[in-house]
Structures are given as structure tokens and as C-alpha cells.
Amino acid sequence: MTDHLPEVLNLTKILQVQTGAVVSRTLINQKTGTVTLFAFDKNEGLSEHTAPYDASVYVLEGSMEITISSNPYELNTGDLIIMPANQPHALKAITPAKLEQH
């Protein structure tokens, strides 16, 4: 059971893109998983890494290049991709972008 009341959030307004930066905010951080919002300026990103579990990326605004096991995928507003467990992945903003990662 949660210690707080449900809250309606507008995910596109929680974070703003900042010049030359990646901004993040963790909304849920539990043993069962996390939900994190990111805002990327153009050409900013996260370097290649792996996770021991499947993860999803949902693009709220803008365009992102998601590379999974050396295969690039272009995602735009409204697109979602599943990143399989233990496969290296990296993210780079093609335009200023916001996303939600689970």
C-alpha cells in the first residue's frame, strides 16, 4: 500500500528541456521497478549501458535515436520501444525531447 494519495500528473509539463543538458526525475523507485522522466536537449543522450530486466521507453515529445545491440531505431512523439534485458542500449536526442522510461 502506498503512503500517499493518487495524483494526476501531466508528464509533458513536469520537466523542461535545458540547454546542453539531460534532466531527469524519478517518479517511482521500488524494488519492483522504476519510472523515470527525462528531458534531453538536441544531441544529448545516455551512453551505452545494460539493464538486467526489460525496459520500455515512451517518447512524450520530440525525436530520439535508441540504439539496441548496435541497431538504431528512430522514435518520435507517441512511439514506444521495449529494450530487452541484458542487451546494450543508448539514447540520443535528434531534437529536444522528453520521454518516460520504465
N, C-alpha and C. Protein backbone atom coordinates (compact mmCIF):
# COMPACT_ATOMS: atom_id res chain seq x y z
N MET A 1 0.85 -1.19 0.00
CA MET A 1 0.00 0.00 0.00
C MET A 1 0.88 1.24 0.00
N THR A 2 0.49 2.22 -0.73
CA THR A 2 1.26 3.46 -0.85
C THR A 2 0.98 4.39 0.33
N ASP A 3 1.94 5.25 0.62
CA ASP A 3 1.82 6.19 1.73
C ASP A 3 1.24 7.53 1.29
N HIS A 4 0.90 7.66 0.01
CA HIS A 4 0.38 8.95 -0.46
C HIS A 4 -0.85 8.73 -1.34
N LEU A 5 -1.59 9.79 -1.52
CA LEU A 5 -2.80 9.72 -2.33
C LEU A 5 -2.45 9.75 -3.82
N PRO A 6 -3.29 9.16 -4.66
CA PRO A 6 -3.07 9.24 -6.10
C PRO A 6 -3.01 10.70 -6.55
N GLU A 7 -2.20 10.95 -7.56
CA GLU A 7 -2.03 12.30 -8.08
C GLU A 7 -2.02 12.24 -9.60
N VAL A 8 -2.74 13.15 -10.23
CA VAL A 8 -2.74 13.24 -11.68
C VAL A 8 -1.57 14.13 -12.09
N LEU A 9 -0.73 13.61 -12.97
CA LEU A 9 0.45 14.35 -13.43
C LEU A 9 0.39 14.54 -14.94
N ASN A 10 0.78 15.69 -15.41
CA ASN A 10 0.94 15.92 -16.84
C ASN A 10 2.42 15.73 -17.14
N LEU A 11 2.77 14.59 -17.73
CA LEU A 11 4.17 14.22 -17.90
C LEU A 11 4.94 15.17 -18.81
N THR A 12 4.27 15.85 -19.72
CA THR A 12 4.98 16.78 -20.62
C THR A 12 5.33 18.09 -19.93
N LYS A 13 4.73 18.35 -18.76
CA LYS A 13 4.98 19.63 -18.08
C LYS A 13 5.87 19.49 -16.84
N ILE A 14 6.14 18.28 -16.41
CA ILE A 14 6.93 18.09 -15.19
C ILE A 14 8.38 18.55 -15.37
N LEU A 15 8.97 18.21 -16.50
CA LEU A 15 10.36 18.59 -16.79
C LEU A 15 10.41 19.48 -18.01
N GLN A 16 11.37 20.38 -18.04
CA GLN A 16 11.61 21.22 -19.21
C GLN A 16 12.99 20.90 -19.76
N VAL A 17 13.12 20.96 -21.08
CA VAL A 17 14.42 20.78 -21.73
C VAL A 17 15.31 21.95 -21.33
N GLN A 18 16.55 21.63 -20.94
CA GLN A 18 17.53 22.66 -20.59
C GLN A 18 18.68 22.60 -21.58
N THR A 19 19.16 23.74 -22.00
CA THR A 19 20.21 23.83 -23.00
C THR A 19 21.43 23.01 -22.60
N GLY A 20 21.84 22.11 -23.51
CA GLY A 20 23.04 21.31 -23.32
C GLY A 20 22.98 20.31 -22.19
N ALA A 21 21.77 19.87 -21.83
CA ALA A 21 21.66 19.02 -20.64
C ALA A 21 20.68 17.88 -20.82
N VAL A 22 20.82 16.90 -19.92
CA VAL A 22 19.84 15.84 -19.72
C VAL A 22 19.29 16.05 -18.32
N VAL A 23 17.98 16.17 -18.20
CA VAL A 23 17.33 16.38 -16.91
C VAL A 23 16.47 15.15 -16.63
N SER A 24 16.46 14.68 -15.39
CA SER A 24 15.63 13.51 -15.07
C SER A 24 14.92 13.70 -13.74
N ARG A 25 13.82 12.98 -13.62
CA ARG A 25 13.07 12.95 -12.36
C ARG A 25 12.48 11.56 -12.20
N THR A 26 12.79 10.90 -11.11
CA THR A 26 12.25 9.58 -10.82
C THR A 26 10.89 9.75 -10.15
N LEU A 27 9.88 9.12 -10.76
CA LEU A 27 8.53 9.19 -10.22
C LEU A 27 8.24 8.01 -9.29
N ILE A 28 8.75 6.83 -9.65
CA ILE A 28 8.57 5.63 -8.82
C ILE A 28 9.93 4.96 -8.71
N ASN A 29 10.31 4.61 -7.49
CA ASN A 29 11.57 3.91 -7.26
C ASN A 29 11.30 2.81 -6.23
N GLN A 30 10.94 1.63 -6.74
CA GLN A 30 10.59 0.50 -5.89
C GLN A 30 11.43 -0.72 -6.28
N LYS A 31 11.46 -1.72 -5.43
CA LYS A 31 12.16 -2.97 -5.74
C LYS A 31 11.59 -3.60 -7.00
N THR A 32 10.30 -3.38 -7.26
CA THR A 32 9.64 -3.98 -8.42
C THR A 32 9.86 -3.20 -9.71
N GLY A 33 10.49 -2.03 -9.62
CA GLY A 33 10.79 -1.26 -10.82
C GLY A 33 10.78 0.24 -10.57
N THR A 34 11.21 0.96 -11.59
CA THR A 34 11.25 2.42 -11.52
C THR A 34 10.53 3.02 -12.72
N VAL A 35 10.09 4.23 -12.55
CA VAL A 35 9.56 5.04 -13.65
C VAL A 35 10.30 6.38 -13.57
N THR A 36 10.97 6.74 -14.66
CA THR A 36 11.77 7.96 -14.69
C THR A 36 11.40 8.78 -15.91
N LEU A 37 11.29 10.08 -15.72
CA LEU A 37 11.09 11.01 -16.83
C LEU A 37 12.43 11.63 -17.18
N PHE A 38 12.64 11.86 -18.47
CA PHE A 38 13.86 12.51 -18.94
C PHE A 38 13.49 13.63 -19.90
N ALA A 39 14.28 14.70 -19.89
CA ALA A 39 14.21 15.76 -20.89
C ALA A 39 15.62 15.93 -21.45
N PHE A 40 15.76 15.83 -22.77
CA PHE A 40 17.05 15.90 -23.45
C PHE A 40 17.09 17.09 -24.39
N ASP A 41 18.17 17.86 -24.34
CA ASP A 41 18.38 18.85 -25.38
C ASP A 41 18.85 18.11 -26.64
N LYS A 42 18.75 18.75 -27.78
CA LYS A 42 19.21 18.15 -29.04
C LYS A 42 20.64 17.66 -28.90
N ASN A 43 20.91 16.45 -29.39
CA ASN A 43 22.22 15.79 -29.39
C ASN A 43 22.70 15.33 -28.02
N GLU A 44 21.89 15.48 -26.99
CA GLU A 44 22.24 14.96 -25.66
C GLU A 44 21.70 13.54 -25.54
N GLY A 45 22.27 12.75 -24.63
CA GLY A 45 21.80 11.38 -24.51
C GLY A 45 22.35 10.66 -23.30
N LEU A 46 22.11 9.36 -23.29
CA LEU A 46 22.65 8.46 -22.27
C LEU A 46 23.57 7.48 -22.97
N SER A 47 24.77 7.30 -22.45
CA SER A 47 25.73 6.40 -23.07
C SER A 47 25.28 4.95 -22.97
N GLU A 48 25.90 4.10 -23.75
CA GLU A 48 25.52 2.70 -23.81
C GLU A 48 25.65 2.04 -22.43
N HIS A 49 24.62 1.27 -22.09
CA HIS A 49 24.59 0.55 -20.82
C HIS A 49 23.63 -0.63 -20.97
N THR A 50 23.58 -1.49 -19.96
CA THR A 50 22.65 -2.62 -19.97
C THR A 50 21.82 -2.58 -18.69
N ALA A 51 20.72 -3.32 -18.72
CA ALA A 51 19.88 -3.49 -17.54
C ALA A 51 19.55 -4.97 -17.41
N PRO A 52 19.40 -5.48 -16.20
CA PRO A 52 19.12 -6.91 -16.02
C PRO A 52 17.64 -7.27 -16.25
N TYR A 53 16.85 -6.33 -16.73
CA TYR A 53 15.42 -6.54 -16.94
C TYR A 53 14.99 -5.78 -18.20
N ASP A 54 13.88 -6.19 -18.79
CA ASP A 54 13.32 -5.45 -19.92
C ASP A 54 12.95 -4.04 -19.44
N ALA A 55 13.14 -3.07 -20.32
CA ALA A 55 12.76 -1.69 -20.02
C ALA A 55 12.05 -1.12 -21.23
N SER A 56 11.18 -0.15 -20.98
CA SER A 56 10.49 0.49 -22.10
C SER A 56 10.80 1.98 -22.11
N VAL A 57 10.77 2.55 -23.31
CA VAL A 57 10.92 3.99 -23.49
C VAL A 57 9.72 4.46 -24.29
N TYR A 58 9.03 5.47 -23.76
CA TYR A 58 7.90 6.09 -24.43
C TYR A 58 8.25 7.56 -24.67
N VAL A 59 8.26 7.98 -25.94
CA VAL A 59 8.61 9.36 -26.29
C VAL A 59 7.37 10.24 -26.13
N LEU A 60 7.46 11.19 -25.21
CA LEU A 60 6.36 12.12 -24.94
C LEU A 60 6.37 13.28 -25.93
N GLU A 61 7.56 13.75 -26.28
CA GLU A 61 7.72 14.87 -27.21
C GLU A 61 9.06 14.72 -27.92
N GLY A 62 9.11 15.10 -29.19
CA GLY A 62 10.37 15.16 -29.91
C GLY A 62 10.73 13.86 -30.60
N SER A 63 12.03 13.75 -30.94
CA SER A 63 12.56 12.59 -31.66
C SER A 63 13.83 12.10 -30.97
N MET A 64 13.92 10.77 -30.84
CA MET A 64 15.07 10.13 -30.19
C MET A 64 15.61 9.03 -31.08
N GLU A 65 16.92 8.81 -31.00
CA GLU A 65 17.51 7.60 -31.58
C GLU A 65 17.85 6.69 -30.42
N ILE A 66 17.27 5.49 -30.45
CA ILE A 66 17.54 4.47 -29.44
C ILE A 66 18.33 3.38 -30.14
N THR A 67 19.52 3.09 -29.66
CA THR A 67 20.34 2.03 -30.24
C THR A 67 20.33 0.85 -29.29
N ILE A 68 19.91 -0.31 -29.81
CA ILE A 68 19.85 -1.54 -29.02
C ILE A 68 20.70 -2.58 -29.73
N SER A 69 21.73 -3.08 -29.05
CA SER A 69 22.64 -4.07 -29.63
C SER A 69 23.11 -3.64 -31.02
N SER A 70 23.57 -2.39 -31.11
CA SER A 70 24.12 -1.77 -32.33
C SER A 70 23.09 -1.50 -33.43
N ASN A 71 21.80 -1.73 -33.16
CA ASN A 71 20.75 -1.45 -34.14
C ASN A 71 20.02 -0.16 -33.76
N PRO A 72 20.07 0.88 -34.63
CA PRO A 72 19.42 2.14 -34.31
C PRO A 72 17.92 2.12 -34.66
N TYR A 73 17.13 2.77 -33.82
CA TYR A 73 15.69 2.92 -34.03
C TYR A 73 15.35 4.39 -33.80
N GLU A 74 14.62 5.00 -34.74
CA GLU A 74 14.17 6.37 -34.56
C GLU A 74 12.77 6.36 -34.00
N LEU A 75 12.59 7.02 -32.87
CA LEU A 75 11.28 7.13 -32.23
C LEU A 75 10.87 8.59 -32.20
N ASN A 76 9.58 8.82 -32.44
CA ASN A 76 9.02 10.16 -32.43
C ASN A 76 7.88 10.23 -31.43
N THR A 77 7.35 11.42 -31.22
CA THR A 77 6.27 11.62 -30.26
C THR A 77 5.23 10.51 -30.38
N GLY A 78 4.94 9.88 -29.26
CA GLY A 78 3.93 8.82 -29.21
C GLY A 78 4.46 7.42 -29.42
N ASP A 79 5.73 7.27 -29.80
CA ASP A 79 6.31 5.94 -30.04
C ASP A 79 6.83 5.33 -28.74
N LEU A 80 6.79 3.99 -28.69
CA LEU A 80 7.28 3.23 -27.56
C LEU A 80 8.14 2.08 -28.08
N ILE A 81 9.20 1.76 -27.35
CA ILE A 81 10.04 0.62 -27.70
C ILE A 81 10.39 -0.13 -26.42
N ILE A 82 10.49 -1.45 -26.54
CA ILE A 82 10.94 -2.30 -25.43
C ILE A 82 12.42 -2.61 -25.65
N MET A 83 13.22 -2.37 -24.64
CA MET A 83 14.65 -2.67 -24.69
C MET A 83 14.86 -3.97 -23.92
N PRO A 84 15.23 -5.06 -24.60
CA PRO A 84 15.34 -6.37 -23.93
C PRO A 84 16.44 -6.38 -22.86
N ALA A 85 16.21 -7.18 -21.84
CA ALA A 85 17.18 -7.34 -20.75
C ALA A 85 18.54 -7.75 -21.29
N ASN A 86 19.57 -7.24 -20.67
CA ASN A 86 20.97 -7.61 -20.92
C ASN A 86 21.48 -7.27 -22.32
N GLN A 87 20.73 -6.48 -23.08
CA GLN A 87 21.22 -6.02 -24.38
C GLN A 87 21.66 -4.57 -24.24
N PRO A 88 22.86 -4.23 -24.71
CA PRO A 88 23.34 -2.86 -24.57
C PRO A 88 22.44 -1.90 -25.35
N HIS A 89 22.17 -0.75 -24.72
CA HIS A 89 21.36 0.27 -25.37
C HIS A 89 21.85 1.66 -25.00
N ALA A 90 21.60 2.61 -25.90
CA ALA A 90 21.98 4.00 -25.70
C ALA A 90 20.87 4.87 -26.27
N LEU A 91 20.77 6.11 -25.78
CA LEU A 91 19.74 7.03 -26.22
C LEU A 91 20.38 8.35 -26.61
N LYS A 92 19.88 8.96 -27.71
CA LYS A 92 20.37 10.26 -28.15
C LYS A 92 19.21 11.04 -28.75
N ALA A 93 19.09 12.31 -28.34
CA ALA A 93 18.02 13.16 -28.83
C ALA A 93 18.37 13.69 -30.23
N ILE A 94 17.46 13.47 -31.17
CA ILE A 94 17.59 14.03 -32.51
C ILE A 94 17.12 15.48 -32.48
N THR A 95 16.05 15.73 -31.73
CA THR A 95 15.55 17.07 -31.47
C THR A 95 15.40 17.18 -29.95
N PRO A 96 15.16 18.35 -29.40
CA PRO A 96 14.83 18.39 -27.98
C PRO A 96 13.68 17.42 -27.73
N ALA A 97 13.78 16.63 -26.66
CA ALA A 97 12.82 15.54 -26.46
C ALA A 97 12.57 15.29 -24.99
N LYS A 98 11.39 14.69 -24.74
CA LYS A 98 11.02 14.23 -23.40
C LYS A 98 10.57 12.79 -23.52
N LEU A 99 10.92 11.96 -22.52
CA LEU A 99 10.49 10.57 -22.55
C LEU A 99 10.27 10.04 -21.16
N GLU A 100 9.54 8.93 -21.13
CA GLU A 100 9.30 8.19 -19.89
C GLU A 100 9.95 6.83 -20.05
N GLN A 101 10.71 6.42 -19.05
CA GLN A 101 11.37 5.12 -19.09
C GLN A 101 10.92 4.30 -17.90
N HIS A 102 10.54 3.03 -18.18
CA HIS A 102 10.14 2.07 -17.13
C HIS A 102 11.18 0.98 -17.09
